Amino acid sequence: MNKPTECRTFDEFWLFYVKQHQKKRTRAVHLLGTSAALACLAGGLLTKRRWLLAVAPLVGYGPAWASHFFIEGNKPASFEHPLWSLRADLVMWAKMAQFKMSDEVERVLRDDAANRAAEGASSESEPTVEAATNGAVAY
């Protein structure tokens, strides 16, 4: 998947999402932003301060979007799939809390490279017009 619009399921989106978060600094900024947003939500609900609920998306997405533009050098996936992006943010947050996200990035990138290599090998094995006609191509 090269674009979030090509994703039909969350699992497909997750693979795209992980590739968009390859740099540890990007993921660290996401971890801080998501943690701060969750703290705002909890604080707002517990203290009944509505302004904390209102600023939670800004606190979470602001730093995350900046990290995409200035660290990762790509466009946030939340622009095209906001709900899947929120879900993926929370999955990534949980994996980072368990120190498993770097392994997940390595797995996704390794699988993606293997898939691209397999696609390249299959296209090389397909006969071309020139091969099918023993080099005699009519113009």
C-alpha atoms as a PDB file:
ATOM      1  CA  MET A   1       0.000   0.000   0.000  1.00  0.00           C
ATOM      2  CA  ASN A   2       1.437   3.296  -1.070  1.00  0.00           C
ATOM      3  CA  LYS A   3      -1.600   5.439  -0.278  1.00  0.00           C
ATOM      4  CA  PRO A   4      -4.111   5.292   2.556  1.00  0.00           C
ATOM      5  CA  THR A   5      -6.939   5.516   0.001  1.00  0.00           C
ATOM      6  CA  GLU A   6      -5.886   2.089  -1.351  1.00  0.00           C
ATOM      7  CA  CYS A   7      -6.576   0.435   2.014  1.00  0.00           C
ATOM      8  CA  ARG A   8      -9.779  -1.580   2.309  1.00  0.00           C
ATOM      9  CA  THR A   9      -9.304  -2.917   5.854  1.00  0.00           C
ATOM     10  CA  PHE A  10      -7.679  -1.723   9.050  1.00  0.00           C
ATOM     11  CA  ASP A  11      -5.016  -4.437   8.710  1.00  0.00           C
ATOM     12  CA  GLU A  12      -4.035  -3.030   5.308  1.00  0.00           C
ATOM     13  CA  PHE A  13      -4.088   0.480   6.747  1.00  0.00           C
ATOM     14  CA  TRP A  14      -1.872  -0.638   9.650  1.00  0.00           C
ATOM     15  CA  LEU A  15       0.849  -1.727   7.212  1.00  0.00           C
ATOM     16  CA  PHE A  16       0.673   1.682   5.508  1.00  0.00           C
ATOM     17  CA  TYR A  17       0.622   3.455   8.876  1.00  0.00           C
ATOM     18  CA  VAL A  18       3.700   1.635  10.162  1.00  0.00           C
ATOM     19  CA  LYS A  19       5.652   2.541   7.008  1.00  0.00           C
ATOM     20  CA  GLN A  20       4.707   6.181   7.616  1.00  0.00           C
ATOM     21  CA  HIS A  21       6.257   5.986  11.123  1.00  0.00           C
ATOM     22  CA  GLN A  22       9.679   4.514  10.399  1.00  0.00           C
ATOM     23  CA  LYS A  23      11.723   7.044  12.355  1.00  0.00           C
ATOM     24  CA  LYS A  24      11.945   6.608  16.117  1.00  0.00           C
ATOM     25  CA  ARG A  25      11.738  10.365  16.696  1.00  0.00           C
ATOM     26  CA  THR A  26       8.392  10.500  14.877  1.00  0.00           C
ATOM     27  CA  ARG A  27       7.075   7.679  17.028  1.00  0.00           C
ATOM     28  CA  ALA A  28       8.400   9.349  20.189  1.00  0.00           C
ATOM     29  CA  VAL A  29       6.565  12.584  19.351  1.00  0.00           C
ATOM     30  CA  HIS A  30       3.401  10.554  18.708  1.00  0.00           C
ATOM     31  CA  LEU A  31       3.813   8.805  22.067  1.00  0.00           C
ATOM     32  CA  LEU A  32       4.100  12.147  23.877  1.00  0.00           C
ATOM     33  CA  GLY A  33       1.198  13.719  21.967  1.00  0.00           C
ATOM     34  CA  THR A  34      -1.111  10.717  22.416  1.00  0.00           C
ATOM     35  CA  SER A  35      -0.216  10.482  26.117  1.00  0.00           C
ATOM     36  CA  ALA A  36      -0.910  14.182  26.600  1.00  0.00           C
ATOM     37  CA  ALA A  37      -4.229  13.892  24.722  1.00  0.00           C
ATOM     38  CA  LEU A  38      -5.279  10.916  26.846  1.00  0.00           C
ATOM     39  CA  ALA A  39      -4.318  12.862  29.986  1.00  0.00           C
ATOM     40  CA  CYS A  40      -6.461  15.786  28.807  1.00  0.00           C
ATOM     41  CA  LEU A  41      -9.393  13.443  28.198  1.00  0.00           C
ATOM     42  CA  ALA A  42      -9.038  11.802  31.593  1.00  0.00           C
ATOM     43  CA  GLY A  43      -8.538  15.128  33.355  1.00  0.00           C
ATOM     44  CA  GLY A  44     -11.504  16.653  31.578  1.00  0.00           C
ATOM     45  CA  LEU A  45     -13.782  13.770  32.463  1.00  0.00           C
ATOM     46  CA  LEU A  46     -12.624  13.539  36.082  1.00  0.00           C
ATOM     47  CA  THR A  47     -12.663  17.266  36.824  1.00  0.00           C
ATOM     48  CA  LYS A  48     -15.529  18.182  34.472  1.00  0.00           C
ATOM     49  CA  ARG A  49     -13.363  20.830  32.853  1.00  0.00           C
ATOM     50  CA  ARG A  50     -14.657  20.917  29.309  1.00  0.00           C
ATOM     51  CA  TRP A  51     -11.744  22.923  27.982  1.00  0.00           C
ATOM     52  CA  LEU A  52      -9.470  19.922  28.611  1.00  0.00           C
ATOM     53  CA  LEU A  53     -11.725  17.814  26.395  1.00  0.00           C
ATOM     54  CA  ALA A  54     -11.656  20.512  23.733  1.00  0.00           C
ATOM     55  CA  VAL A  55      -7.862  20.799  23.619  1.00  0.00           C
ATOM     56  CA  ALA A  56      -7.203  17.026  23.627  1.00  0.00           C
ATOM     57  CA  PRO A  57      -7.235  16.687  19.806  1.00  0.00           C
ATOM     58  CA  LEU A  58      -4.939  19.699  19.415  1.00  0.00           C
ATOM     59  CA  VAL A  59      -2.523  18.394  22.033  1.00  0.00           C
ATOM     60  CA  GLY A  60      -2.449  14.968  20.380  1.00  0.00           C
ATOM     61  CA  TYR A  61      -2.513  15.761  16.678  1.00  0.00           C
ATOM     62  CA  GLY A  62      -0.528  19.008  16.666  1.00  0.00           C
ATOM     63  CA  PRO A  63       2.824  17.467  17.596  1.00  0.00           C
ATOM     64  CA  ALA A  64       2.099  14.313  15.577  1.00  0.00           C
ATOM     65  CA  TRP A  65       1.405  16.266  12.400  1.00  0.00           C
ATOM     66  CA  ALA A  66       4.495  18.415  12.933  1.00  0.00           C
ATOM     67  CA  SER A  67       6.589  15.262  13.286  1.00  0.00           C
ATOM     68  CA  HIS A  68       5.303  13.991   9.950  1.00  0.00           C
ATOM     69  CA  PHE A  69       6.163  17.211   8.155  1.00  0.00           C
ATOM     70  CA  PHE A  70       9.492  17.970   9.820  1.00  0.00           C
ATOM     71  CA  ILE A  71      10.915  14.603  10.927  1.00  0.00           C
ATOM     72  CA  GLU A  72       9.388  11.869   8.765  1.00  0.00           C
ATOM     73  CA  GLY A  73       8.908  14.035   5.668  1.00  0.00           C
ATOM     74  CA  ASN A  74       5.458  12.736   4.767  1.00  0.00           C
ATOM     75  CA  LYS A  75       1.769  13.607   5.080  1.00  0.00           C
ATOM     76  CA  PRO A  76      -0.245  12.431   8.110  1.00  0.00           C
ATOM     77  CA  ALA A  77      -2.579   9.534   7.322  1.00  0.00           C
ATOM     78  CA  SER A  78      -5.246  11.103   9.533  1.00  0.00           C
ATOM     79  CA  PHE A  79      -6.123  13.502   6.710  1.00  0.00           C
ATOM     80  CA  GLU A  80      -7.636  10.657   4.664  1.00  0.00           C
ATOM     81  CA  HIS A  81      -8.569   8.060   7.317  1.00  0.00           C
ATOM     82  CA  PRO A  82      -9.139   9.887  10.630  1.00  0.00           C
ATOM     83  CA  LEU A  83     -10.787   7.005  12.512  1.00  0.00           C
ATOM     84  CA  TRP A  84      -8.345   4.326  11.363  1.00  0.00           C
ATOM     85  CA  SER A  85      -5.520   6.738  12.109  1.00  0.00           C
ATOM     86  CA  LEU A  86      -6.782   7.294  15.652  1.00  0.00           C
ATOM     87  CA  ARG A  87      -7.070   3.530  16.139  1.00  0.00           C
ATOM     88  CA  ALA A  88      -3.568   3.018  14.729  1.00  0.00           C
ATOM     89  CA  ASP A  89      -2.216   5.770  17.021  1.00  0.00           C
ATOM     90  CA  LEU A  90      -3.599   3.876  20.003  1.00  0.00           C
ATOM     91  CA  VAL A  91      -2.219   0.537  18.753  1.00  0.00           C
ATOM     92  CA  MET A  92       1.191   2.156  18.235  1.00  0.00           C
ATOM     93  CA  TRP A  93       0.981   3.789  21.682  1.00  0.00           C
ATOM     94  CA  ALA A  94       0.304   0.377  23.271  1.00  0.00           C
ATOM     95  CA  LYS A  95       3.110  -1.308  21.321  1.00  0.00           C
ATOM     96  CA  MET A  96       5.523   1.461  22.336  1.00  0.00           C
ATOM     97  CA  ALA A  97       4.486   1.105  25.990  1.00  0.00           C
ATOM     98  CA  GLN A  98       5.377  -2.598  25.672  1.00  0.00           C
ATOM     99  CA  PHE A  99       8.639  -1.789  23.804  1.00  0.00           C
ATOM    100  CA  LYS A 100       7.392  -3.749  20.762  1.00  0.00           C
ATOM    101  CA  MET A 101       6.932  -1.035  18.134  1.00  0.00           C
ATOM    102  CA  SER A 102      10.489  -1.065  16.759  1.00  0.00           C
ATOM    103  CA  ASP A 103      10.150  -4.802  16.141  1.00  0.00           C
ATOM    104  CA  GLU A 104       6.828  -4.182  14.399  1.00  0.00           C
ATOM    105  CA  VAL A 105       8.402  -1.561  12.111  1.00  0.00           C
ATOM    106  CA  GLU A 106      11.223  -3.968  11.232  1.00  0.00           C
ATOM    107  CA  ARG A 107       8.713  -6.762  10.513  1.00  0.00           C
ATOM    108  CA  VAL A 108       6.523  -4.618   8.271  1.00  0.00           C
ATOM    109  CA  LEU A 109       9.490  -3.223   6.339  1.00  0.00           C
ATOM    110  CA  ARG A 110      11.020  -6.701   5.940  1.00  0.00           C
ATOM    111  CA  ASP A 111       7.717  -8.159   4.697  1.00  0.00           C
ATOM    112  CA  ASP A 112       7.213  -5.207   2.351  1.00  0.00           C
ATOM    113  CA  ALA A 113      10.705  -5.661   0.864  1.00  0.00           C
ATOM    114  CA  ALA A 114      10.087  -9.397   0.409  1.00  0.00           C
ATOM    115  CA  ASN A 115       6.747  -8.717  -1.300  1.00  0.00           C
ATOM    116  CA  ARG A 116       8.331  -6.178  -3.650  1.00  0.00           C
ATOM    117  CA  ALA A 117      11.159  -8.612  -4.451  1.00  0.00           C
ATOM    118  CA  ALA A 118       8.631 -11.374  -5.184  1.00  0.00           C
ATOM    119  CA  GLU A 119       6.645  -9.034  -7.430  1.00  0.00           C
ATOM    120  CA  GLY A 120       9.842  -8.094  -9.261  1.00  0.00           C
ATOM    121  CA  ALA A 121      10.802 -11.740  -9.703  1.00  0.00           C
ATOM    122  CA  SER A 122       7.357 -12.647 -11.036  1.00  0.00           C
ATOM    123  CA  SER A 123       7.416  -9.786 -13.549  1.00  0.00           C
ATOM    124  CA  GLU A 124      10.875 -10.903 -14.712  1.00  0.00           C
ATOM    125  CA  SER A 125       9.590 -14.421 -15.339  1.00  0.00           C
ATOM    126  CA  GLU A 126       6.659 -13.225 -17.465  1.00  0.00           C
ATOM    127  CA  PRO A 127       7.408 -13.540 -21.175  1.00  0.00           C
ATOM    128  CA  THR A 128       7.826 -10.307 -23.072  1.00  0.00           C
ATOM    129  CA  VAL A 129       6.702  -9.743 -26.649  1.00  0.00           C
ATOM    130  CA  GLU A 130      10.300  -9.889 -27.787  1.00  0.00           C
ATOM    131  CA  ALA A 131      10.953 -13.171 -25.963  1.00  0.00           C
ATOM    132  CA  ALA A 132       7.707 -14.709 -27.240  1.00  0.00           C
ATOM    133  CA  THR A 133       8.650 -13.940 -30.868  1.00  0.00           C
ATOM    134  CA  ASN A 134      12.334 -14.902 -30.461  1.00  0.00           C
ATOM    135  CA  GLY A 135      13.435 -11.305 -30.905  1.00  0.00           C
ATOM    136  CA  ALA A 136      11.492 -10.758 -34.142  1.00  0.00           C
ATOM    137  CA  VAL A 137       9.165  -7.937 -33.249  1.00  0.00           C
ATOM    138  CA  ALA A 138       7.014  -6.649 -36.098  1.00  0.00           C
ATOM    139  CA  TYR A 139       6.587  -2.890 -36.167  1.00  0.00           C
END
